[in-house]
Amino acid sequence: MKKSSLIVALILFMSGTAMAQYDFAVGVRSGGTSGLTLKKNYGPSAIEGIVGFWHDGLSLTALWGKNRMAFDEPGLFWYYGVGGHVSIYGDDFDGHGGPGWYKHPHGNNDGDLGLGVDGIVGLEYKIPQAPIAFSLDFKPYLEVVTDGGAFFAIDPGLGIKVAF
């Protein structure tokens, strides 16, 4: 059993991936998709869910990603991955406001359902002696809404999580 564990550790070391320093985390993300986030690490891989909230709207995002040690610094990790989301826009949603990178094609009285494909790339720091992790990322996505409109957003975000 020890020999197989050593082989797995060597493969992970040689591939440049790293195990995250926590098992599970709950937190918040602020930015384009702002809301609650849940992240479960599985060694060098992770699954993350984000429940996003905004004026008259809601989104559910699921992401699968990889962790990679950054700059040989303990607790600092690059992460990247792919996923998808579902967005629900109420009748009072106005997509024409907001930051310049966000160009939603709909205005008021256009309640819609959106489906999207997401990517994510970011940097996360888990404080070694504390159960706190900070992240900075970009979560670009392409979304198609029920009336046929489509748009792309880069969706930058800043997060803080409590790690277990």
N, C-alpha and C. Protein backbone atom coordinates (compact mmCIF):
# COMPACT_ATOMS: atom_id res chain seq x y z
N MET A 1 0.81 -1.20 0.00
CA MET A 1 0.00 0.00 0.00
C MET A 1 0.85 1.26 0.00
N LYS A 2 1.96 1.27 0.72
CA LYS A 2 2.82 2.44 0.77
C LYS A 2 3.41 2.74 -0.60
N LYS A 3 3.76 1.70 -1.35
CA LYS A 3 4.37 1.88 -2.66
C LYS A 3 3.38 2.57 -3.61
N SER A 4 2.10 2.19 -3.59
CA SER A 4 1.12 2.82 -4.48
C SER A 4 0.88 4.28 -4.07
N SER A 5 0.89 4.57 -2.78
CA SER A 5 0.72 5.96 -2.33
C SER A 5 1.88 6.83 -2.79
N LEU A 6 3.08 6.29 -2.73
CA LEU A 6 4.26 7.02 -3.19
C LEU A 6 4.18 7.29 -4.69
N ILE A 7 3.72 6.33 -5.45
CA ILE A 7 3.60 6.50 -6.90
C ILE A 7 2.58 7.60 -7.22
N VAL A 8 1.44 7.58 -6.53
CA VAL A 8 0.43 8.62 -6.75
C VAL A 8 0.99 10.00 -6.40
N ALA A 9 1.70 10.10 -5.29
CA ALA A 9 2.29 11.38 -4.88
C ALA A 9 3.31 11.87 -5.91
N LEU A 10 4.12 10.98 -6.43
CA LEU A 10 5.09 11.36 -7.45
C LEU A 10 4.42 11.82 -8.74
N ILE A 11 3.36 11.14 -9.13
CA ILE A 11 2.64 11.54 -10.35
C ILE A 11 2.05 12.93 -10.17
N LEU A 12 1.43 13.19 -9.00
CA LEU A 12 0.87 14.52 -8.74
C LEU A 12 1.95 15.59 -8.73
N PHE A 13 3.09 15.29 -8.12
CA PHE A 13 4.19 16.24 -8.07
C PHE A 13 4.72 16.54 -9.47
N MET A 14 4.90 15.51 -10.27
CA MET A 14 5.46 15.68 -11.61
C MET A 14 4.47 16.38 -12.55
N SER A 15 3.18 16.20 -12.32
CA SER A 15 2.20 16.82 -13.21
C SER A 15 1.97 18.29 -12.88
N GLY A 16 2.50 18.75 -11.74
CA GLY A 16 2.35 20.16 -11.37
C GLY A 16 1.06 20.47 -10.66
N THR A 17 0.21 19.46 -10.43
CA THR A 17 -1.02 19.73 -9.70
C THR A 17 -0.74 19.64 -8.21
N ALA A 18 -1.61 20.20 -7.44
CA ALA A 18 -1.43 20.19 -5.99
C ALA A 18 -2.76 19.95 -5.31
N MET A 19 -2.70 19.37 -4.16
CA MET A 19 -3.89 19.14 -3.37
C MET A 19 -4.25 20.44 -2.66
N ALA A 20 -5.51 20.80 -2.70
CA ALA A 20 -5.94 21.99 -1.97
C ALA A 20 -5.76 21.76 -0.47
N GLN A 21 -5.65 22.82 0.28
CA GLN A 21 -5.37 22.71 1.71
C GLN A 21 -6.63 22.66 2.57
N TYR A 22 -7.76 22.44 1.97
CA TYR A 22 -8.99 22.24 2.72
C TYR A 22 -9.89 21.29 1.95
N ASP A 23 -10.87 20.74 2.67
CA ASP A 23 -11.77 19.77 2.08
C ASP A 23 -13.03 20.43 1.51
N PHE A 24 -13.62 21.35 2.30
CA PHE A 24 -14.89 21.95 1.94
C PHE A 24 -14.88 23.41 2.38
N ALA A 25 -15.54 24.29 1.63
CA ALA A 25 -15.59 25.70 2.00
C ALA A 25 -16.95 26.29 1.63
N VAL A 26 -17.37 27.27 2.42
CA VAL A 26 -18.61 28.01 2.19
C VAL A 26 -18.24 29.48 2.22
N GLY A 27 -18.77 30.26 1.27
CA GLY A 27 -18.41 31.67 1.27
C GLY A 27 -19.30 32.52 0.40
N VAL A 28 -18.77 33.70 0.07
CA VAL A 28 -19.47 34.64 -0.78
C VAL A 28 -18.54 35.08 -1.91
N ARG A 29 -19.15 35.41 -3.05
CA ARG A 29 -18.41 35.93 -4.20
C ARG A 29 -19.06 37.25 -4.59
N SER A 30 -18.24 38.26 -4.80
CA SER A 30 -18.72 39.57 -5.22
C SER A 30 -18.15 39.86 -6.59
N GLY A 31 -18.94 40.44 -7.45
CA GLY A 31 -18.50 40.74 -8.81
C GLY A 31 -19.67 40.59 -9.74
N GLY A 32 -19.41 40.06 -10.92
CA GLY A 32 -20.49 39.85 -11.88
C GLY A 32 -21.53 38.90 -11.33
N THR A 33 -21.12 37.69 -11.02
CA THR A 33 -22.00 36.73 -10.36
C THR A 33 -21.72 36.85 -8.87
N SER A 34 -22.57 37.57 -8.17
CA SER A 34 -22.42 37.78 -6.72
C SER A 34 -23.40 36.90 -5.98
N GLY A 35 -22.90 36.23 -4.94
CA GLY A 35 -23.80 35.39 -4.17
C GLY A 35 -23.05 34.43 -3.28
N LEU A 36 -23.70 33.32 -2.97
CA LEU A 36 -23.15 32.30 -2.09
C LEU A 36 -22.40 31.25 -2.90
N THR A 37 -21.30 30.76 -2.34
CA THR A 37 -20.52 29.74 -3.03
C THR A 37 -20.21 28.58 -2.10
N LEU A 38 -20.22 27.39 -2.65
CA LEU A 38 -19.85 26.16 -1.94
C LEU A 38 -18.79 25.47 -2.79
N LYS A 39 -17.70 25.03 -2.15
CA LYS A 39 -16.62 24.39 -2.91
C LYS A 39 -16.18 23.13 -2.18
N LYS A 40 -16.09 22.03 -2.92
CA LYS A 40 -15.64 20.75 -2.38
C LYS A 40 -14.41 20.33 -3.18
N ASN A 41 -13.28 20.16 -2.47
CA ASN A 41 -12.04 19.73 -3.11
C ASN A 41 -11.92 18.21 -3.05
N TYR A 42 -11.48 17.64 -4.15
CA TYR A 42 -11.21 16.21 -4.27
C TYR A 42 -9.76 16.08 -4.73
N GLY A 43 -8.82 16.26 -3.81
CA GLY A 43 -7.41 16.22 -4.19
C GLY A 43 -7.10 17.38 -5.11
N PRO A 44 -6.58 17.11 -6.31
CA PRO A 44 -6.25 18.20 -7.23
C PRO A 44 -7.45 18.75 -8.01
N SER A 45 -8.63 18.16 -7.83
CA SER A 45 -9.85 18.62 -8.52
C SER A 45 -10.82 19.22 -7.52
N ALA A 46 -11.78 19.97 -8.03
CA ALA A 46 -12.79 20.58 -7.17
C ALA A 46 -14.11 20.74 -7.92
N ILE A 47 -15.19 20.76 -7.15
CA ILE A 47 -16.51 21.08 -7.66
C ILE A 47 -16.99 22.29 -6.88
N GLU A 48 -17.50 23.29 -7.60
CA GLU A 48 -17.98 24.51 -6.94
C GLU A 48 -19.36 24.87 -7.45
N GLY A 49 -20.21 25.30 -6.55
CA GLY A 49 -21.54 25.78 -6.89
C GLY A 49 -21.68 27.22 -6.44
N ILE A 50 -22.32 28.03 -7.27
CA ILE A 50 -22.55 29.44 -6.93
C ILE A 50 -24.04 29.73 -7.13
N VAL A 51 -24.66 30.30 -6.10
CA VAL A 51 -26.03 30.79 -6.21
C VAL A 51 -25.91 32.30 -6.29
N GLY A 52 -26.16 32.84 -7.47
CA GLY A 52 -26.00 34.28 -7.70
C GLY A 52 -27.32 35.02 -7.56
N PHE A 53 -27.25 36.22 -6.97
CA PHE A 53 -28.44 37.06 -6.77
C PHE A 53 -28.18 38.44 -7.35
N TRP A 54 -29.19 39.05 -7.93
CA TRP A 54 -29.15 40.44 -8.36
C TRP A 54 -30.58 40.95 -8.42
N HIS A 55 -30.75 42.24 -8.73
CA HIS A 55 -32.09 42.82 -8.78
C HIS A 55 -32.95 42.03 -9.77
N ASP A 56 -33.98 41.40 -9.26
CA ASP A 56 -34.96 40.67 -10.06
C ASP A 56 -34.34 39.55 -10.88
N GLY A 57 -33.38 38.83 -10.28
CA GLY A 57 -32.79 37.70 -10.98
C GLY A 57 -32.08 36.74 -10.05
N LEU A 58 -31.81 35.55 -10.57
CA LEU A 58 -31.16 34.49 -9.82
C LEU A 58 -30.42 33.60 -10.80
N SER A 59 -29.25 33.11 -10.40
CA SER A 59 -28.53 32.15 -11.24
C SER A 59 -28.00 31.00 -10.39
N LEU A 60 -27.89 29.84 -10.99
CA LEU A 60 -27.30 28.66 -10.38
C LEU A 60 -26.17 28.21 -11.29
N THR A 61 -24.95 28.17 -10.75
CA THR A 61 -23.76 27.83 -11.54
C THR A 61 -23.08 26.62 -10.92
N ALA A 62 -22.65 25.68 -11.75
CA ALA A 62 -21.87 24.52 -11.31
C ALA A 62 -20.57 24.50 -12.11
N LEU A 63 -19.44 24.35 -11.40
CA LEU A 63 -18.12 24.36 -12.03
C LEU A 63 -17.30 23.17 -11.59
N TRP A 64 -16.54 22.60 -12.50
CA TRP A 64 -15.56 21.56 -12.18
C TRP A 64 -14.21 22.17 -12.49
N GLY A 65 -13.24 22.02 -11.58
CA GLY A 65 -11.95 22.64 -11.81
C GLY A 65 -10.78 21.85 -11.28
N LYS A 66 -9.61 22.37 -11.57
CA LYS A 66 -8.34 21.80 -11.13
C LYS A 66 -7.62 22.83 -10.27
N ASN A 67 -6.83 22.33 -9.30
CA ASN A 67 -6.01 23.18 -8.43
C ASN A 67 -4.55 22.96 -8.80
N ARG A 68 -3.78 24.04 -8.80
CA ARG A 68 -2.35 23.96 -9.12
C ARG A 68 -1.61 24.95 -8.23
N MET A 69 -0.57 24.49 -7.54
CA MET A 69 0.18 25.38 -6.66
C MET A 69 0.74 26.56 -7.46
N ALA A 70 0.67 27.74 -6.86
CA ALA A 70 1.14 28.96 -7.53
C ALA A 70 2.41 29.47 -6.87
N PHE A 71 3.41 29.74 -7.66
CA PHE A 71 4.64 30.40 -7.23
C PHE A 71 5.36 29.67 -6.09
N ASP A 72 5.17 28.36 -5.98
CA ASP A 72 5.78 27.55 -4.92
C ASP A 72 5.51 28.11 -3.53
N GLU A 73 4.35 28.73 -3.37
CA GLU A 73 3.97 29.36 -2.10
C GLU A 73 2.89 28.50 -1.43
N PRO A 74 3.15 27.98 -0.22
CA PRO A 74 2.13 27.19 0.48
C PRO A 74 0.85 28.00 0.68
N GLY A 75 -0.26 27.38 0.35
CA GLY A 75 -1.56 28.02 0.51
C GLY A 75 -2.02 28.82 -0.68
N LEU A 76 -1.16 29.04 -1.68
CA LEU A 76 -1.51 29.83 -2.86
C LEU A 76 -1.69 28.89 -4.05
N PHE A 77 -2.89 28.93 -4.66
CA PHE A 77 -3.22 28.01 -5.73
C PHE A 77 -3.85 28.74 -6.92
N TRP A 78 -3.46 28.31 -8.12
CA TRP A 78 -4.19 28.64 -9.33
C TRP A 78 -5.35 27.66 -9.41
N TYR A 79 -6.45 28.07 -9.94
CA TYR A 79 -7.51 27.12 -10.25
C TYR A 79 -8.13 27.51 -11.59
N TYR A 80 -8.60 26.50 -12.30
CA TYR A 80 -9.19 26.72 -13.62
C TYR A 80 -10.17 25.59 -13.87
N GLY A 81 -11.19 25.86 -14.68
CA GLY A 81 -12.17 24.82 -14.95
C GLY A 81 -13.27 25.28 -15.88
N VAL A 82 -14.29 24.44 -15.98
CA VAL A 82 -15.43 24.68 -16.87
C VAL A 82 -16.72 24.30 -16.15
N GLY A 83 -17.83 24.75 -16.68
CA GLY A 83 -19.12 24.41 -16.10
C GLY A 83 -20.25 25.05 -16.87
N GLY A 84 -21.36 25.25 -16.19
CA GLY A 84 -22.52 25.84 -16.83
C GLY A 84 -23.41 26.50 -15.81
N HIS A 85 -24.41 27.22 -16.30
CA HIS A 85 -25.34 27.91 -15.40
C HIS A 85 -26.72 28.03 -16.00
N VAL A 86 -27.67 28.29 -15.11
CA VAL A 86 -29.04 28.60 -15.47
C VAL A 86 -29.36 29.94 -14.79
N SER A 87 -29.92 30.89 -15.54
CA SER A 87 -30.28 32.20 -15.00
C SER A 87 -31.77 32.43 -15.19
N ILE A 88 -32.38 33.05 -14.20
CA ILE A 88 -33.80 33.39 -14.27
C ILE A 88 -33.90 34.90 -14.11
N TYR A 89 -34.48 35.55 -15.11
CA TYR A 89 -34.63 37.00 -15.10
C TYR A 89 -36.10 37.34 -14.93
N GLY A 90 -36.42 38.18 -13.93
CA GLY A 90 -37.79 38.63 -13.74
C GLY A 90 -38.16 39.74 -14.70
N ASP A 91 -39.42 40.12 -14.70
CA ASP A 91 -39.90 41.17 -15.61
C ASP A 91 -39.27 42.53 -15.35
N ASP A 92 -38.83 42.81 -14.13
CA ASP A 92 -38.23 44.10 -13.80
C ASP A 92 -36.73 44.14 -14.02
N PHE A 93 -36.13 43.06 -14.52
CA PHE A 93 -34.69 43.04 -14.77
C PHE A 93 -34.34 43.98 -15.91
N ASP A 94 -33.31 44.81 -15.70
CA ASP A 94 -32.84 45.72 -16.74
C ASP A 94 -31.37 45.43 -16.99
N GLY A 95 -31.06 44.72 -18.05
CA GLY A 95 -29.69 44.33 -18.37
C GLY A 95 -28.87 45.42 -19.01
N HIS A 96 -29.45 46.58 -19.27
CA HIS A 96 -28.70 47.63 -19.93
C HIS A 96 -27.89 48.48 -18.96
N GLY A 97 -28.11 48.33 -17.67
CA GLY A 97 -27.32 49.06 -16.68
C GLY A 97 -26.12 48.20 -16.27
N GLY A 98 -25.36 48.67 -15.34
CA GLY A 98 -24.24 47.88 -14.82
C GLY A 98 -22.92 48.23 -15.47
N PRO A 99 -21.88 47.44 -15.15
CA PRO A 99 -20.54 47.74 -15.65
C PRO A 99 -20.43 47.60 -17.16
N GLY A 100 -19.40 48.22 -17.73
CA GLY A 100 -19.22 48.22 -19.18
C GLY A 100 -19.00 46.85 -19.79
N TRP A 101 -18.44 45.90 -19.03
CA TRP A 101 -18.19 44.56 -19.58
C TRP A 101 -19.44 43.72 -19.66
N TYR A 102 -20.53 44.17 -19.03
CA TYR A 102 -21.76 43.40 -18.96
C TYR A 102 -22.77 43.99 -19.94
N LYS A 103 -22.99 43.35 -21.04
CA LYS A 103 -23.88 43.87 -22.08
C LYS A 103 -25.04 42.91 -22.33
N HIS A 104 -25.92 42.77 -21.36
CA HIS A 104 -27.08 41.88 -21.51
C HIS A 104 -28.03 42.49 -22.54
N PRO A 105 -28.58 41.67 -23.43
CA PRO A 105 -29.40 42.23 -24.53
C PRO A 105 -30.82 42.63 -24.15
N HIS A 106 -31.22 42.51 -22.89
CA HIS A 106 -32.62 42.74 -22.55
C HIS A 106 -32.82 43.90 -21.60
N GLY A 107 -33.96 44.54 -21.74
CA GLY A 107 -34.34 45.64 -20.86
C GLY A 107 -35.49 45.22 -19.96
N ASN A 108 -36.22 46.19 -19.45
CA ASN A 108 -37.36 45.91 -18.57
C ASN A 108 -38.44 45.12 -19.30
N ASN A 109 -39.24 44.40 -18.50
CA ASN A 109 -40.37 43.62 -19.00
C ASN A 109 -39.97 42.51 -19.97
N ASP A 110 -38.77 41.99 -19.82
CA ASP A 110 -38.29 40.90 -20.67
C ASP A 110 -37.92 39.68 -19.84
N GLY A 111 -38.76 39.24 -18.91
CA GLY A 111 -38.44 38.08 -18.08
C GLY A 111 -38.01 36.92 -18.96
N ASP A 112 -36.90 36.30 -18.64
CA ASP A 112 -36.35 35.24 -19.47
C ASP A 112 -35.68 34.17 -18.62
N LEU A 113 -35.38 33.07 -19.28
CA LEU A 113 -34.57 32.01 -18.73
C LEU A 113 -33.31 31.96 -19.59
N GLY A 114 -32.14 31.93 -18.96
CA GLY A 114 -30.88 31.87 -19.69
C GLY A 114 -30.12 30.60 -19.36
N LEU A 115 -29.46 30.03 -20.37
CA LEU A 115 -28.59 28.87 -20.20
C LEU A 115 -27.21 29.25 -20.70
N GLY A 116 -26.19 28.89 -19.94
CA GLY A 116 -24.85 29.32 -20.33
C GLY A 116 -23.77 28.29 -20.09
N VAL A 117 -22.67 28.51 -20.78
CA VAL A 117 -21.45 27.73 -20.62
C VAL A 117 -20.43 28.65 -19.96
N ASP A 118 -19.79 28.17 -18.90
CA ASP A 118 -18.87 28.98 -18.10
C ASP A 118 -17.47 28.39 -18.11
N GLY A 119 -16.49 29.27 -17.97
CA GLY A 119 -15.12 28.88 -17.68
C GLY A 119 -14.74 29.59 -16.39
N ILE A 120 -13.63 29.22 -15.80
CA ILE A 120 -13.15 29.95 -14.63
C ILE A 120 -11.64 29.81 -14.56
N VAL A 121 -10.97 30.90 -14.20
CA VAL A 121 -9.54 30.90 -13.94
C VAL A 121 -9.30 31.91 -12.82
N GLY A 122 -8.54 31.49 -11.82
CA GLY A 122 -8.33 32.39 -10.70
C GLY A 122 -7.19 31.97 -9.80
N LEU A 123 -7.01 32.76 -8.76
CA LEU A 123 -5.96 32.54 -7.78
C LEU A 123 -6.62 32.55 -6.41
N GLU A 124 -6.30 31.53 -5.59
CA GLU A 124 -6.88 31.43 -4.25
C GLU A 124 -5.77 31.29 -3.22
N TYR A 125 -5.95 31.99 -2.10
CA TYR A 125 -4.99 31.89 -0.99
C TYR A 125 -5.73 31.44 0.25
N LYS A 126 -5.32 30.30 0.79
CA LYS A 126 -5.85 29.77 2.05
C LYS A 126 -4.83 30.11 3.13
N ILE A 127 -5.24 30.91 4.10
CA ILE A 127 -4.36 31.27 5.21
C ILE A 127 -4.01 29.99 5.96
N PRO A 128 -2.71 29.64 6.06
CA PRO A 128 -2.32 28.35 6.65
C PRO A 128 -2.83 28.11 8.08
N GLN A 129 -2.81 29.10 8.94
CA GLN A 129 -3.21 28.90 10.33
C GLN A 129 -4.66 29.31 10.62
N ALA A 130 -5.42 29.62 9.60
CA ALA A 130 -6.80 30.06 9.80
C ALA A 130 -7.72 29.39 8.78
N PRO A 131 -8.99 29.23 9.11
CA PRO A 131 -9.92 28.58 8.18
C PRO A 131 -10.51 29.56 7.16
N ILE A 132 -9.68 30.45 6.62
CA ILE A 132 -10.15 31.49 5.70
C ILE A 132 -9.38 31.37 4.38
N ALA A 133 -10.13 31.48 3.27
CA ALA A 133 -9.53 31.49 1.93
C ALA A 133 -10.06 32.69 1.15
N PHE A 134 -9.18 33.35 0.42
CA PHE A 134 -9.54 34.48 -0.44
C PHE A 134 -9.30 34.09 -1.89
N SER A 135 -10.14 34.59 -2.79
CA SER A 135 -9.95 34.27 -4.21
C SER A 135 -10.21 35.49 -5.08
N LEU A 136 -9.55 35.50 -6.22
CA LEU A 136 -9.73 36.50 -7.26
C LEU A 136 -9.79 35.74 -8.56
N ASP A 137 -10.87 35.95 -9.35
CA ASP A 137 -11.00 35.14 -10.56
C ASP A 137 -11.76 35.86 -11.66
N PHE A 138 -11.72 35.23 -12.82
CA PHE A 138 -12.55 35.61 -13.96
C PHE A 138 -13.37 34.37 -14.31
N LYS A 139 -14.68 34.56 -14.49
CA LYS A 139 -15.58 33.46 -14.83
C LYS A 139 -16.32 33.84 -16.12
N PRO A 140 -15.59 33.81 -17.25
CA PRO A 140 -16.24 34.20 -18.50
C PRO A 140 -17.35 33.21 -18.87
N TYR A 141 -18.41 33.75 -19.45
CA TYR A 141 -19.49 32.85 -19.87
C TYR A 141 -20.18 33.37 -21.13
N LEU A 142 -20.80 32.43 -21.81
CA LEU A 142 -21.64 32.71 -22.97
C LEU A 142 -23.03 32.23 -22.60
N GLU A 143 -24.02 33.11 -22.73
CA GLU A 143 -25.38 32.76 -22.34
C GLU A 143 -26.35 33.00 -23.48
N VAL A 144 -27.30 32.08 -23.63
CA VAL A 144 -28.39 32.19 -24.59
C VAL A 144 -29.68 32.26 -23.77
N VAL A 145 -30.55 33.22 -24.09
CA VAL A 145 -31.80 33.38 -23.36
C VAL A 145 -32.97 32.92 -24.21
N THR A 146 -34.12 32.71 -23.58
CA THR A 146 -35.26 32.07 -24.24
C THR A 146 -35.78 32.81 -25.47
N ASP A 147 -35.60 34.11 -25.55
CA ASP A 147 -36.09 34.80 -26.74
C ASP A 147 -35.08 34.78 -27.89
N GLY A 148 -33.97 34.06 -27.71
CA GLY A 148 -32.98 33.92 -28.77
C GLY A 148 -31.78 34.82 -28.65
N GLY A 149 -31.80 35.79 -27.76
CA GLY A 149 -30.65 36.65 -27.57
C GLY A 149 -29.48 35.90 -26.94
N ALA A 150 -28.28 36.35 -27.22
CA ALA A 150 -27.08 35.73 -26.65
C ALA A 150 -26.10 36.83 -26.28
N PHE A 151 -25.30 36.59 -25.26
CA PHE A 151 -24.26 37.55 -24.90
C PHE A 151 -23.12 36.86 -24.18
N PHE A 152 -21.99 37.56 -24.14
CA PHE A 152 -20.77 37.08 -23.49
C PHE A 152 -20.39 38.07 -22.41
N ALA A 153 -19.93 37.55 -21.24
CA ALA A 153 -19.46 38.42 -20.16
C ALA A 153 -18.19 37.82 -19.56
N ILE A 154 -17.27 38.67 -19.10
CA ILE A 154 -16.02 38.17 -18.51
C ILE A 154 -16.18 37.85 -17.02
N ASP A 155 -17.13 38.44 -16.34
CA ASP A 155 -17.53 38.13 -14.97
C ASP A 155 -16.37 38.03 -13.97
N PRO A 156 -15.71 39.13 -13.65
CA PRO A 156 -14.66 39.10 -12.63
C PRO A 156 -15.28 38.93 -11.24
N GLY A 157 -14.53 38.34 -10.31
CA GLY A 157 -15.06 38.14 -8.97
C GLY A 157 -14.00 38.12 -7.90
N LEU A 158 -14.40 38.48 -6.70
CA LEU A 158 -13.56 38.45 -5.52
C LEU A 158 -14.34 37.66 -4.47
N GLY A 159 -13.68 36.67 -3.85
CA GLY A 159 -14.40 35.83 -2.91
C GLY A 159 -13.69 35.65 -1.59
N ILE A 160 -14.47 35.30 -0.58
CA ILE A 160 -13.92 34.93 0.72
C ILE A 160 -14.73 33.71 1.19
N LYS A 161 -14.01 32.70 1.71
CA LYS A 161 -14.63 31.47 2.13
C LYS A 161 -14.16 31.07 3.53
N VAL A 162 -15.01 30.35 4.23
CA VAL A 162 -14.65 29.69 5.47
C VAL A 162 -14.38 28.23 5.10
N ALA A 163 -13.18 27.76 5.39
CA ALA A 163 -12.75 26.43 4.97
C ALA A 163 -12.83 25.44 6.13
N PHE A 164 -13.21 24.22 5.81
CA PHE A 164 -13.31 23.15 6.79
C PHE A 164 -12.37 22.01 6.43
